[in-house]
Amino acid sequence: MWHCYYCRSPLSIEIQKKNRLCPSCGSDLHSCKNCSSYDENLSSKCKEPNSEWVSDRSAQNSCAFFEFISLGQIPADSSELLSEAEKAKKAFQALFR
């Protein structure tokens, strides 16, 4: 089963195919932070050596190596990884959707 990186809501394959945004929190589903190759500890932030550089890891992108992250791969403190600016941006975007 797949889950959103930010809110950990379950995401079925139908939701992933139809929706660009998480139905619960409004974050982009096809983003680096929802990918199994994402690693905050690497300088490139990606385990895939052939991937293109992405400047905003929480925004939607078109990476060919994207594989949805499973719940077991999400760091326990991922909600704490969001900066105050990212939290404010998410709240602002959710307000106007």
PDB file of N, CA and C in Angstrom:
ATOM      1  N   MET A   1       0.843  -1.182   0.000  1.00  0.00           N
ATOM      2  CA  MET A   1       0.000   0.000   0.000  1.00  0.00           C
ATOM      3  C   MET A   1       0.887   1.244   0.000  1.00  0.00           C
ATOM      4  N   TRP A   2       0.448   2.272  -0.707  1.00  0.00           N
ATOM      5  CA  TRP A   2       1.191   3.517  -0.794  1.00  0.00           C
ATOM      6  C   TRP A   2       0.561   4.563   0.103  1.00  0.00           C
ATOM      7  N   HIS A   3       1.411   5.471   0.580  1.00  0.00           N
ATOM      8  CA  HIS A   3       0.957   6.525   1.484  1.00  0.00           C
ATOM      9  C   HIS A   3       1.614   7.846   1.110  1.00  0.00           C
ATOM     10  N   CYS A   4       0.935   8.936   1.387  1.00  0.00           N
ATOM     11  CA  CYS A   4       1.478  10.276   1.161  1.00  0.00           C
ATOM     12  C   CYS A   4       2.626  10.521   2.146  1.00  0.00           C
ATOM     13  N   TYR A   5       3.696  11.097   1.670  1.00  0.00           N
ATOM     14  CA  TYR A   5       4.868  11.395   2.496  1.00  0.00           C
ATOM     15  C   TYR A   5       4.516  12.359   3.626  1.00  0.00           C
ATOM     16  N   TYR A   6       3.657  13.330   3.348  1.00  0.00           N
ATOM     17  CA  TYR A   6       3.369  14.385   4.308  1.00  0.00           C
ATOM     18  C   TYR A   6       2.324  13.997   5.352  1.00  0.00           C
ATOM     19  N   CYS A   7       1.175  13.473   4.895  1.00  0.00           N
ATOM     20  CA  CYS A   7       0.084  13.213   5.837  1.00  0.00           C
ATOM     21  C   CYS A   7      -0.128  11.724   6.116  1.00  0.00           C
ATOM     22  N   ARG A   8       0.588  10.880   5.398  1.00  0.00           N
ATOM     23  CA  ARG A   8       0.528   9.418   5.555  1.00  0.00           C
ATOM     24  C   ARG A   8      -0.846   8.820   5.247  1.00  0.00           C
ATOM     25  N   SER A   9      -1.684   9.538   4.487  1.00  0.00           N
ATOM     26  CA  SER A   9      -2.971   8.939   4.104  1.00  0.00           C
ATOM     27  C   SER A   9      -2.732   7.870   3.049  1.00  0.00           C
ATOM     28  N   PRO A  10      -3.502   6.799   3.117  1.00  0.00           N
ATOM     29  CA  PRO A  10      -3.356   5.738   2.132  1.00  0.00           C
ATOM     30  C   PRO A  10      -3.778   6.219   0.743  1.00  0.00           C
ATOM     31  N   LEU A  11      -3.035   5.789  -0.268  1.00  0.00           N
ATOM     32  CA  LEU A  11      -3.311   6.195  -1.644  1.00  0.00           C
ATOM     33  C   LEU A  11      -3.410   4.957  -2.527  1.00  0.00           C
ATOM     34  N   SER A  12      -4.580   4.702  -3.049  1.00  0.00           N
ATOM     35  CA  SER A  12      -4.766   3.559  -3.938  1.00  0.00           C
ATOM     36  C   SER A  12      -4.189   3.886  -5.311  1.00  0.00           C
ATOM     37  N   ILE A  13      -4.058   2.897  -6.136  1.00  0.00           N
ATOM     38  CA  ILE A  13      -3.539   3.095  -7.490  1.00  0.00           C
ATOM     39  C   ILE A  13      -4.489   3.987  -8.289  1.00  0.00           C
ATOM     40  N   GLU A  14      -5.794   3.893  -8.030  1.00  0.00           N
ATOM     41  CA  GLU A  14      -6.772   4.735  -8.730  1.00  0.00           C
ATOM     42  C   GLU A  14      -6.566   6.211  -8.382  1.00  0.00           C
ATOM     43  N   ILE A  15      -6.306   6.490  -7.115  1.00  0.00           N
ATOM     44  CA  ILE A  15      -6.051   7.874  -6.691  1.00  0.00           C
ATOM     45  C   ILE A  15      -4.795   8.394  -7.372  1.00  0.00           C
ATOM     46  N   GLN A  16      -3.759   7.580  -7.448  1.00  0.00           N
ATOM     47  CA  GLN A  16      -2.512   8.002  -8.065  1.00  0.00           C
ATOM     48  C   GLN A  16      -2.688   8.277  -9.552  1.00  0.00           C
ATOM     49  N   LYS A  17      -3.514   7.492 -10.220  1.00  0.00           N
ATOM     50  CA  LYS A  17      -3.732   7.682 -11.659  1.00  0.00           C
ATOM     51  C   LYS A  17      -4.590   8.909 -11.947  1.00  0.00           C
ATOM     52  N   LYS A  18      -5.613   9.155 -11.118  1.00  0.00           N
ATOM     53  CA  LYS A  18      -6.562  10.232 -11.381  1.00  0.00           C
ATOM     54  C   LYS A  18      -6.147  11.572 -10.800  1.00  0.00           C
ATOM     55  N   ASN A  19      -5.533  11.548  -9.646  1.00  0.00           N
ATOM     56  CA  ASN A  19      -5.245  12.796  -8.929  1.00  0.00           C
ATOM     57  C   ASN A  19      -3.789  13.209  -9.068  1.00  0.00           C
ATOM     58  N   ARG A  20      -3.571  14.493  -9.201  1.00  0.00           N
ATOM     59  CA  ARG A  20      -2.235  15.046  -9.183  1.00  0.00           C
ATOM     60  C   ARG A  20      -1.839  15.427  -7.768  1.00  0.00           C
ATOM     61  N   LEU A  21      -2.862  15.659  -6.938  1.00  0.00           N
ATOM     62  CA  LEU A  21      -2.639  16.088  -5.558  1.00  0.00           C
ATOM     63  C   LEU A  21      -3.213  15.083  -4.583  1.00  0.00           C
ATOM     64  N   CYS A  22      -2.636  15.043  -3.400  1.00  0.00           N
ATOM     65  CA  CYS A  22      -3.148  14.187  -2.332  1.00  0.00           C
ATOM     66  C   CYS A  22      -4.530  14.698  -1.922  1.00  0.00           C
ATOM     67  N   PRO A  23      -5.527  13.817  -1.873  1.00  0.00           N
ATOM     68  CA  PRO A  23      -6.863  14.270  -1.496  1.00  0.00           C
ATOM     69  C   PRO A  23      -6.949  14.762  -0.043  1.00  0.00           C
ATOM     70  N   SER A  24      -6.034  14.341   0.807  1.00  0.00           N
ATOM     71  CA  SER A  24      -6.084  14.732   2.219  1.00  0.00           C
ATOM     72  C   SER A  24      -5.377  16.046   2.518  1.00  0.00           C
ATOM     73  N   CYS A  25      -4.141  16.193   2.019  1.00  0.00           N
ATOM     74  CA  CYS A  25      -3.359  17.388   2.388  1.00  0.00           C
ATOM     75  C   CYS A  25      -3.072  18.329   1.226  1.00  0.00           C
ATOM     76  N   GLY A  26      -3.343  17.905  -0.014  1.00  0.00           N
ATOM     77  CA  GLY A  26      -3.146  18.780  -1.159  1.00  0.00           C
ATOM     78  C   GLY A  26      -1.725  18.841  -1.684  1.00  0.00           C
ATOM     79  N   SER A  27      -0.829  17.989  -1.200  1.00  0.00           N
ATOM     80  CA  SER A  27       0.548  18.001  -1.702  1.00  0.00           C
ATOM     81  C   SER A  27       0.625  17.243  -3.032  1.00  0.00           C
ATOM     82  N   ASP A  28       1.621  17.585  -3.839  1.00  0.00           N
ATOM     83  CA  ASP A  28       1.821  16.914  -5.122  1.00  0.00           C
ATOM     84  C   ASP A  28       2.192  15.463  -4.898  1.00  0.00           C
ATOM     85  N   LEU A  29       1.536  14.551  -5.614  1.00  0.00           N
ATOM     86  CA  LEU A  29       1.824  13.124  -5.448  1.00  0.00           C
ATOM     87  C   LEU A  29       3.087  12.707  -6.184  1.00  0.00           C
ATOM     88  N   HIS A  30       3.290  13.217  -7.409  1.00  0.00           N
ATOM     89  CA  HIS A  30       4.458  12.820  -8.198  1.00  0.00           C
ATOM     90  C   HIS A  30       5.606  13.796  -7.918  1.00  0.00           C
ATOM     91  N   SER A  31       6.116  13.739  -6.689  1.00  0.00           N
ATOM     92  CA  SER A  31       7.215  14.608  -6.271  1.00  0.00           C
ATOM     93  C   SER A  31       8.326  13.749  -5.682  1.00  0.00           C
ATOM     94  N   CYS A  32       9.497  14.315  -5.583  1.00  0.00           N
ATOM     95  CA  CYS A  32      10.660  13.563  -5.088  1.00  0.00           C
ATOM     96  C   CYS A  32      10.415  12.982  -3.699  1.00  0.00           C
ATOM     97  N   LYS A  33       9.760  13.741  -2.840  1.00  0.00           N
ATOM     98  CA  LYS A  33       9.565  13.275  -1.468  1.00  0.00           C
ATOM     99  C   LYS A  33       8.630  12.075  -1.383  1.00  0.00           C
ATOM    100  N   ASN A  34       7.836  11.819  -2.416  1.00  0.00           N
ATOM    101  CA  ASN A  34       6.978  10.639  -2.464  1.00  0.00           C
ATOM    102  C   ASN A  34       7.644   9.489  -3.223  1.00  0.00           C
ATOM    103  N   CYS A  35       8.904   9.635  -3.579  1.00  0.00           N
ATOM    104  CA  CYS A  35       9.613   8.625  -4.368  1.00  0.00           C
ATOM    105  C   CYS A  35      10.497   7.753  -3.471  1.00  0.00           C
ATOM    106  N   SER A  36      10.595   6.487  -3.822  1.00  0.00           N
ATOM    107  CA  SER A  36      11.419   5.565  -3.034  1.00  0.00           C
ATOM    108  C   SER A  36      12.914   5.862  -3.172  1.00  0.00           C
ATOM    109  N   SER A  37      13.305   6.622  -4.192  1.00  0.00           N
ATOM    110  CA  SER A  37      14.722   6.970  -4.385  1.00  0.00           C
ATOM    111  C   SER A  37      15.132   8.222  -3.626  1.00  0.00           C
ATOM    112  N   TYR A  38      14.189   8.934  -3.029  1.00  0.00           N
ATOM    113  CA  TYR A  38      14.502  10.166  -2.310  1.00  0.00           C
ATOM    114  C   TYR A  38      15.274   9.853  -1.033  1.00  0.00           C
ATOM    115  N   ASP A  39      16.367  10.586  -0.820  1.00  0.00           N
ATOM    116  CA  ASP A  39      17.176  10.423   0.391  1.00  0.00           C
ATOM    117  C   ASP A  39      17.693  11.785   0.820  1.00  0.00           C
ATOM    118  N   GLU A  40      17.180  12.277   1.926  1.00  0.00           N
ATOM    119  CA  GLU A  40      17.542  13.600   2.444  1.00  0.00           C
ATOM    120  C   GLU A  40      19.038  13.711   2.755  1.00  0.00           C
ATOM    121  N   ASN A  41      19.689  12.596   3.041  1.00  0.00           N
ATOM    122  CA  ASN A  41      21.088  12.617   3.461  1.00  0.00           C
ATOM    123  C   ASN A  41      22.085  12.712   2.307  1.00  0.00           C
ATOM    124  N   LEU A  42      21.646  12.491   1.083  1.00  0.00           N
ATOM    125  CA  LEU A  42      22.538  12.584  -0.078  1.00  0.00           C
ATOM    126  C   LEU A  42      22.592  14.019  -0.591  1.00  0.00           C
ATOM    127  N   SER A  43      23.705  14.393  -1.183  1.00  0.00           N
ATOM    128  CA  SER A  43      23.825  15.757  -1.700  1.00  0.00           C
ATOM    129  C   SER A  43      22.871  16.002  -2.864  1.00  0.00           C
ATOM    130  N   SER A  44      22.630  14.977  -3.680  1.00  0.00           N
ATOM    131  CA  SER A  44      21.700  15.120  -4.797  1.00  0.00           C
ATOM    132  C   SER A  44      20.262  14.861  -4.371  1.00  0.00           C
ATOM    133  N   LYS A  45      20.068  14.376  -3.143  1.00  0.00           N
ATOM    134  CA  LYS A  45      18.763  14.022  -2.567  1.00  0.00           C
ATOM    135  C   LYS A  45      18.104  12.856  -3.290  1.00  0.00           C
ATOM    136  N   CYS A  46      18.848  12.143  -4.150  1.00  0.00           N
ATOM    137  CA  CYS A  46      18.269  11.037  -4.911  1.00  0.00           C
ATOM    138  C   CYS A  46      19.267   9.882  -4.999  1.00  0.00           C
ATOM    139  N   LYS A  47      18.757   8.662  -4.783  1.00  0.00           N
ATOM    140  CA  LYS A  47      19.598   7.468  -4.874  1.00  0.00           C
ATOM    141  C   LYS A  47      19.851   7.061  -6.314  1.00  0.00           C
ATOM    142  N   GLU A  48      19.035   7.567  -7.243  1.00  0.00           N
ATOM    143  CA  GLU A  48      19.167   7.230  -8.657  1.00  0.00           C
ATOM    144  C   GLU A  48      20.233   8.132  -9.292  1.00  0.00           C
ATOM    145  N   PRO A  49      21.363   7.563  -9.711  1.00  0.00           N
ATOM    146  CA  PRO A  49      22.455   8.392 -10.242  1.00  0.00           C
ATOM    147  C   PRO A  49      22.145   9.045 -11.594  1.00  0.00           C
ATOM    148  N   ASN A  50      21.209   8.506 -12.357  1.00  0.00           N
ATOM    149  CA  ASN A  50      20.922   9.034 -13.694  1.00  0.00           C
ATOM    150  C   ASN A  50      19.739  10.001 -13.726  1.00  0.00           C
ATOM    151  N   SER A  51      19.202  10.338 -12.571  1.00  0.00           N
ATOM    152  CA  SER A  51      18.056  11.244 -12.556  1.00  0.00           C
ATOM    153  C   SER A  51      18.500  12.687 -12.782  1.00  0.00           C
ATOM    154  N   GLU A  52      17.583  13.472 -13.335  1.00  0.00           N
ATOM    155  CA  GLU A  52      17.858  14.888 -13.551  1.00  0.00           C
ATOM    156  C   GLU A  52      17.733  15.641 -12.229  1.00  0.00           C
ATOM    157  N   TRP A  53      18.416  16.787 -12.128  1.00  0.00           N
ATOM    158  CA  TRP A  53      18.349  17.599 -10.921  1.00  0.00           C
ATOM    159  C   TRP A  53      16.974  18.256 -10.826  1.00  0.00           C
ATOM    160  N   VAL A  54      16.386  18.201  -9.643  1.00  0.00           N
ATOM    161  CA  VAL A  54      15.097  18.840  -9.368  1.00  0.00           C
ATOM    162  C   VAL A  54      15.323  19.827  -8.235  1.00  0.00           C
ATOM    163  N   SER A  55      14.975  21.079  -8.462  1.00  0.00           N
ATOM    164  CA  SER A  55      15.251  22.096  -7.440  1.00  0.00           C
ATOM    165  C   SER A  55      14.244  22.061  -6.285  1.00  0.00           C
ATOM    166  N   ASP A  56      12.970  21.861  -6.584  1.00  0.00           N
ATOM    167  CA  ASP A  56      11.948  21.816  -5.530  1.00  0.00           C
ATOM    168  C   ASP A  56      11.499  20.373  -5.352  1.00  0.00           C
ATOM    169  N   ARG A  57      11.960  19.730  -4.306  1.00  0.00           N
ATOM    170  CA  ARG A  57      11.705  18.306  -4.076  1.00  0.00           C
ATOM    171  C   ARG A  57      10.262  18.009  -3.663  1.00  0.00           C
ATOM    172  N   SER A  58       9.496  19.009  -3.284  1.00  0.00           N
ATOM    173  CA  SER A  58       8.120  18.751  -2.889  1.00  0.00           C
ATOM    174  C   SER A  58       7.120  19.121  -3.984  1.00  0.00           C
ATOM    175  N   ALA A  59       7.603  19.643  -5.104  1.00  0.00           N
ATOM    176  CA  ALA A  59       6.717  20.007  -6.215  1.00  0.00           C
ATOM    177  C   ALA A  59       6.639  18.866  -7.226  1.00  0.00           C
ATOM    178  N   GLN A  60       5.587  18.893  -8.030  1.00  0.00           N
ATOM    179  CA  GLN A  60       5.411  17.860  -9.045  1.00  0.00           C
ATOM    180  C   GLN A  60       6.536  17.944 -10.070  1.00  0.00           C
ATOM    181  N   ASN A  61       6.988  16.767 -10.516  1.00  0.00           N
ATOM    182  CA  ASN A  61       8.001  16.713 -11.559  1.00  0.00           C
ATOM    183  C   ASN A  61       7.703  15.540 -12.484  1.00  0.00           C
ATOM    184  N   SER A  62       8.501  15.390 -13.515  1.00  0.00           N
ATOM    185  CA  SER A  62       8.257  14.328 -14.488  1.00  0.00           C
ATOM    186  C   SER A  62       9.435  13.359 -14.558  1.00  0.00           C
ATOM    187  N   CYS A  63      10.000  13.024 -13.431  1.00  0.00           N
ATOM    188  CA  CYS A  63      11.142  12.121 -13.370  1.00  0.00           C
ATOM    189  C   CYS A  63      10.738  10.725 -13.875  1.00  0.00           C
ATOM    190  N   ALA A  64      11.544  10.177 -14.758  1.00  0.00           N
ATOM    191  CA  ALA A  64      11.260   8.853 -15.333  1.00  0.00           C
ATOM    192  C   ALA A  64      11.545   7.730 -14.345  1.00  0.00           C
ATOM    193  N   PHE A  65      12.283   8.015 -13.293  1.00  0.00           N
ATOM    194  CA  PHE A  65      12.664   6.990 -12.315  1.00  0.00           C
ATOM    195  C   PHE A  65      11.736   6.950 -11.103  1.00  0.00           C
ATOM    196  N   PHE A  66      10.662   7.707 -11.131  1.00  0.00           N
ATOM    197  CA  PHE A  66       9.753   7.814  -9.986  1.00  0.00           C
ATOM    198  C   PHE A  66       9.101   6.472  -9.662  1.00  0.00           C
ATOM    199  N   GLU A  67       9.214   6.072  -8.401  1.00  0.00           N
ATOM    200  CA  GLU A  67       8.493   4.911  -7.858  1.00  0.00           C
ATOM    201  C   GLU A  67       7.901   5.351  -6.536  1.00  0.00           C
ATOM    202  N   PHE A  68       6.608   5.113  -6.369  1.00  0.00           N
ATOM    203  CA  PHE A  68       5.933   5.597  -5.176  1.00  0.00           C
ATOM    204  C   PHE A  68       6.494   4.926  -3.927  1.00  0.00           C
ATOM    205  N   ILE A  69       6.658   5.714  -2.882  1.00  0.00           N
ATOM    206  CA  ILE A  69       7.208   5.234  -1.614  1.00  0.00           C
ATOM    207  C   ILE A  69       6.133   4.468  -0.836  1.00  0.00           C
ATOM    208  N   SER A  70       6.554   3.415  -0.152  1.00  0.00           N
ATOM    209  CA  SER A  70       5.616   2.685   0.707  1.00  0.00           C
ATOM    210  C   SER A  70       5.735   3.219   2.130  1.00  0.00           C
ATOM    211  N   LEU A  71       4.764   2.921   2.965  1.00  0.00           N
ATOM    212  CA  LEU A  71       4.729   3.467   4.325  1.00  0.00           C
ATOM    213  C   LEU A  71       5.970   3.096   5.125  1.00  0.00           C
ATOM    214  N   GLY A  72       6.512   1.908   4.926  1.00  0.00           N
ATOM    215  CA  GLY A  72       7.685   1.477   5.667  1.00  0.00           C
ATOM    216  C   GLY A  72       8.935   2.278   5.354  1.00  0.00           C
ATOM    217  N   GLN A  73       8.947   2.973   4.212  1.00  0.00           N
ATOM    218  CA  GLN A  73      10.115   3.758   3.809  1.00  0.00           C
ATOM    219  C   GLN A  73      10.030   5.216   4.250  1.00  0.00           C
ATOM    220  N   ILE A  74       8.868   5.653   4.724  1.00  0.00           N
ATOM    221  CA  ILE A  74       8.708   7.047   5.134  1.00  0.00           C
ATOM    222  C   ILE A  74       9.362   7.244   6.497  1.00  0.00           C
ATOM    223  N   PRO A  75      10.252   8.236   6.636  1.00  0.00           N
ATOM    224  CA  PRO A  75      10.854   8.492   7.936  1.00  0.00           C
ATOM    225  C   PRO A  75       9.800   8.831   8.974  1.00  0.00           C
ATOM    226  N   ALA A  76       9.990   8.374  10.189  1.00  0.00           N
ATOM    227  CA  ALA A  76       9.009   8.592  11.256  1.00  0.00           C
ATOM    228  C   ALA A  76       8.781  10.072  11.527  1.00  0.00           C
ATOM    229  N   ASP A  77       9.816  10.887  11.349  1.00  0.00           N
ATOM    230  CA  ASP A  77       9.691  12.311  11.654  1.00  0.00           C
ATOM    231  C   ASP A  77       9.562  13.151  10.393  1.00  0.00           C
ATOM    232  N   SER A  78       8.977  12.621   9.324  1.00  0.00           N
ATOM    233  CA  SER A  78       8.890  13.355   8.065  1.00  0.00           C
ATOM    234  C   SER A  78       8.080  14.634   8.200  1.00  0.00           C
ATOM    235  N   SER A  79       7.097  14.666   9.075  1.00  0.00           N
ATOM    236  CA  SER A  79       6.320  15.887   9.252  1.00  0.00           C
ATOM    237  C   SER A  79       7.193  16.984   9.853  1.00  0.00           C
ATOM    238  N   GLU A  80       8.211  16.609  10.597  1.00  0.00           N
ATOM    239  CA  GLU A  80       9.095  17.590  11.200  1.00  0.00           C
ATOM    240  C   GLU A  80      10.137  18.102  10.210  1.00  0.00           C
ATOM    241  N   LEU A  81      10.287  17.419   9.055  1.00  0.00           N
ATOM    242  CA  LEU A  81      11.257  17.831   8.059  1.00  0.00           C
ATOM    243  C   LEU A  81      10.797  19.066   7.289  1.00  0.00           C
ATOM    244  N   LEU A  82       9.508  19.356   7.327  1.00  0.00           N
ATOM    245  CA  LEU A  82       8.986  20.513   6.622  1.00  0.00           C
ATOM    246  C   LEU A  82       9.411  21.796   7.330  1.00  0.00           C
ATOM    247  N   SER A  83       9.926  22.713   6.557  1.00  0.00           N
ATOM    248  CA  SER A  83      10.281  23.998   7.145  1.00  0.00           C
ATOM    249  C   SER A  83       9.010  24.813   7.349  1.00  0.00           C
ATOM    250  N   GLU A  84       9.111  25.870   8.096  1.00  0.00           N
ATOM    251  CA  GLU A  84       7.960  26.737   8.320  1.00  0.00           C
ATOM    252  C   GLU A  84       7.467  27.315   6.998  1.00  0.00           C
ATOM    253  N   ALA A  85       8.389  27.636   6.089  1.00  0.00           N
ATOM    254  CA  ALA A  85       7.996  28.183   4.791  1.00  0.00           C
ATOM    255  C   ALA A  85       7.215  27.158   3.979  1.00  0.00           C
ATOM    256  N   GLU A  86       7.644  25.890   4.013  1.00  0.00           N
ATOM    257  CA  GLU A  86       6.936  24.840   3.282  1.00  0.00           C
ATOM    258  C   GLU A  86       5.548  24.617   3.871  1.00  0.00           C
ATOM    259  N   LYS A  87       5.440  24.656   5.208  1.00  0.00           N
ATOM    260  CA  LYS A  87       4.139  24.487   5.849  1.00  0.00           C
ATOM    261  C   LYS A  87       3.198  25.622   5.460  1.00  0.00           C
ATOM    262  N   ALA A  88       3.712  26.842   5.440  1.00  0.00           N
ATOM    263  CA  ALA A  88       2.893  27.992   5.064  1.00  0.00           C
ATOM    264  C   ALA A  88       2.475  27.893   3.599  1.00  0.00           C
ATOM    265  N   LYS A  89       3.376  27.464   2.741  1.00  0.00           N
ATOM    266  CA  LYS A  89       3.072  27.306   1.317  1.00  0.00           C
ATOM    267  C   LYS A  89       1.977  26.262   1.118  1.00  0.00           C
ATOM    268  N   LYS A  90       2.058  25.133   1.816  1.00  0.00           N
ATOM    269  CA  LYS A  90       1.049  24.078   1.715  1.00  0.00           C
ATOM    270  C   LYS A  90      -0.307  24.589   2.199  1.00  0.00           C
ATOM    271  N   ALA A  91      -0.319  25.333   3.295  1.00  0.00           N
ATOM    272  CA  ALA A  91      -1.570  25.855   3.826  1.00  0.00           C
ATOM    273  C   ALA A  91      -2.182  26.857   2.854  1.00  0.00           C
ATOM    274  N   PHE A  92      -1.359  27.694   2.248  1.00  0.00           N
ATOM    275  CA  PHE A  92      -1.830  28.672   1.278  1.00  0.00           C
ATOM    276  C   PHE A  92      -2.420  27.993   0.044  1.00  0.00           C
ATOM    277  N   GLN A  93      -1.705  26.962  -0.464  1.00  0.00           N
ATOM    278  CA  GLN A  93      -2.186  26.234  -1.640  1.00  0.00           C
ATOM    279  C   GLN A  93      -3.486  25.501  -1.328  1.00  0.00           C
ATOM    280  N   ALA A  94      -3.603  24.925  -0.166  1.00  0.00           N
ATOM    281  CA  ALA A  94      -4.805  24.198   0.213  1.00  0.00           C
ATOM    282  C   ALA A  94      -6.007  25.144   0.332  1.00  0.00           C
ATOM    283  N   LEU A  95      -5.743  26.377   0.729  1.00  0.00           N
ATOM    284  CA  LEU A  95      -6.803  27.362   0.887  1.00  0.00           C
ATOM    285  C   LEU A  95      -7.487  27.691  -0.433  1.00  0.00           C
ATOM    286  N   PHE A  96      -6.723  27.691  -1.540  1.00  0.00           N
ATOM    287  CA  PHE A  96      -7.259  28.113  -2.834  1.00  0.00           C
ATOM    288  C   PHE A  96      -7.508  26.967  -3.790  1.00  0.00           C
ATOM    289  N   ARG A  97      -7.637  25.757  -3.301  1.00  0.00           N
ATOM    290  CA  ARG A  97      -7.926  24.611  -4.187  1.00  0.00           C
ATOM    291  C   ARG A  97      -9.362  24.239  -4.118  1.00  0.00           C
TER     292      ARG A  97
END
